[in-house]
């Protein structure tokens, strides 16, 4: 399953309705650490998507209301969601922490 680009609240709602486990990468185009961590996020997507985990990206400048709703204050920030609830938040561009 490829990484889904979320461009609206409706996109996120639909993704959550169809996936009980979800990892979201909140990023920005201008963010160098976001670009640096992107290959590692893709690698985890390739490894874990077959196990029923969905992966998505949200550009905080494209969908600022989603960033505000999830209290995203720095990028990159990764949210780990299970059954509609955030179970972990990772504010880091360190590949080791993303594992």
Protein backbone atom coordinates (compact mmCIF):
# COMPACT_ATOMS: atom_id res chain seq x y z
CA UNK A 1 0.00 0.00 0.00
CA UNK A 2 1.46 3.38 -0.94
CA UNK A 3 1.68 6.38 1.35
CA UNK A 4 -1.60 8.30 1.26
CA UNK A 5 -1.44 12.08 0.94
CA UNK A 6 -4.03 13.68 3.20
CA UNK A 7 -5.32 16.98 1.85
CA UNK A 8 -8.42 17.47 4.02
CA UNK A 9 -10.09 16.39 7.23
CA UNK A 10 -12.39 14.21 5.12
CA UNK A 11 -9.37 12.38 3.70
CA UNK A 12 -8.20 11.57 7.23
CA UNK A 13 -11.65 10.44 8.34
CA UNK A 14 -11.95 8.08 5.37
CA UNK A 15 -8.47 6.68 5.96
CA UNK A 16 -9.24 6.04 9.64
CA UNK A 17 -12.55 4.38 8.78
CA UNK A 18 -10.74 1.89 6.56
CA UNK A 19 -7.64 1.31 8.72
CA UNK A 20 -7.43 0.56 12.43
CA UNK A 21 -3.68 1.23 12.52
CA UNK A 22 -2.21 4.33 10.97
CA UNK A 23 1.08 6.25 10.99
CA UNK A 24 0.93 9.89 9.89
CA UNK A 25 3.94 11.99 8.93
CA UNK A 26 3.27 15.71 9.46
CA UNK A 27 5.83 17.52 7.34
CA UNK A 28 6.50 20.64 5.25
CA UNK A 29 8.10 21.09 1.84
CA UNK A 30 10.59 23.64 3.21
CA UNK A 31 11.70 21.35 6.08
CA UNK A 32 15.15 19.82 5.45
CA UNK A 33 14.84 17.26 8.30
CA UNK A 34 11.50 16.17 6.80
CA UNK A 35 13.16 15.50 3.47
CA UNK A 36 16.00 13.64 5.20
CA UNK A 37 13.67 11.27 7.08
CA UNK A 38 11.37 10.63 4.07
CA UNK A 39 13.33 7.60 2.74
CA UNK A 40 13.15 5.93 6.16
CA UNK A 41 9.40 6.56 6.35
CA UNK A 42 9.04 5.00 2.89
CA UNK A 43 11.11 1.99 3.97
CA UNK A 44 8.84 1.38 6.97
CA UNK A 45 5.82 1.74 4.71
CA UNK A 46 7.16 -0.93 2.38
CA UNK A 47 7.90 -3.26 5.31
CA UNK A 48 4.78 -2.76 7.43
CA UNK A 49 1.94 -1.99 5.03
CA UNK A 50 1.50 -5.71 4.24
CA UNK A 51 0.78 -6.19 7.97
CA UNK A 52 -2.26 -3.92 7.90
CA UNK A 53 -0.67 -0.63 8.88
CA UNK A 54 -1.59 2.38 6.75
CA UNK A 55 0.82 5.26 6.20
CA UNK A 56 -0.05 8.85 5.37
CA UNK A 57 1.55 12.25 4.97
CA UNK A 58 0.13 15.66 5.83
CA UNK A 59 1.79 18.85 4.62
CA UNK A 60 1.17 21.28 7.49
CA UNK A 61 1.08 24.22 5.07
CA UNK A 62 -1.56 22.58 2.87
CA UNK A 63 -3.81 21.39 5.72
CA UNK A 64 -3.03 23.70 8.67
CA UNK A 65 -6.33 22.89 10.37
CA UNK A 66 -5.26 19.24 10.74
CA UNK A 67 -1.91 20.30 12.15
CA UNK A 68 -3.68 22.56 14.65
CA UNK A 69 -6.21 19.86 15.56
CA UNK A 70 -3.39 17.43 16.37
CA UNK A 71 -1.30 20.12 18.10
CA UNK A 72 1.59 19.80 15.67
CA UNK A 73 4.13 22.44 16.69
CA UNK A 74 7.22 21.08 14.95
CA UNK A 75 7.97 19.10 11.82
CA UNK A 76 8.51 16.34 11.25
CA UNK A 77 6.04 14.89 13.73
CA UNK A 78 4.81 11.32 13.46
CA UNK A 79 1.50 10.20 14.96
CA UNK A 80 0.83 6.53 15.63
CA UNK A 81 -2.92 5.92 15.69
CA UNK A 82 -4.78 2.78 16.70
CA UNK A 83 -8.56 2.50 16.54
CA UNK A 84 -8.89 6.26 16.07
CA UNK A 85 -6.74 7.22 19.07
CA UNK A 86 -3.22 8.58 19.04
CA UNK A 87 -1.12 6.10 20.99
CA UNK A 88 2.27 7.74 20.40
CA UNK A 89 3.71 10.99 19.09
CA UNK A 90 7.27 11.25 17.81
CA UNK A 91 8.74 14.69 17.22
CA UNK A 92 12.02 13.83 15.60
CA UNK A 93 13.82 13.27 12.33
CA UNK A 94 16.03 10.56 13.79
CA UNK A 95 15.72 7.29 11.83
CA UNK A 96 16.54 5.22 14.93
CA UNK A 97 13.57 6.69 16.80
CA UNK A 98 11.23 6.08 13.88
CA UNK A 99 11.83 2.32 14.15
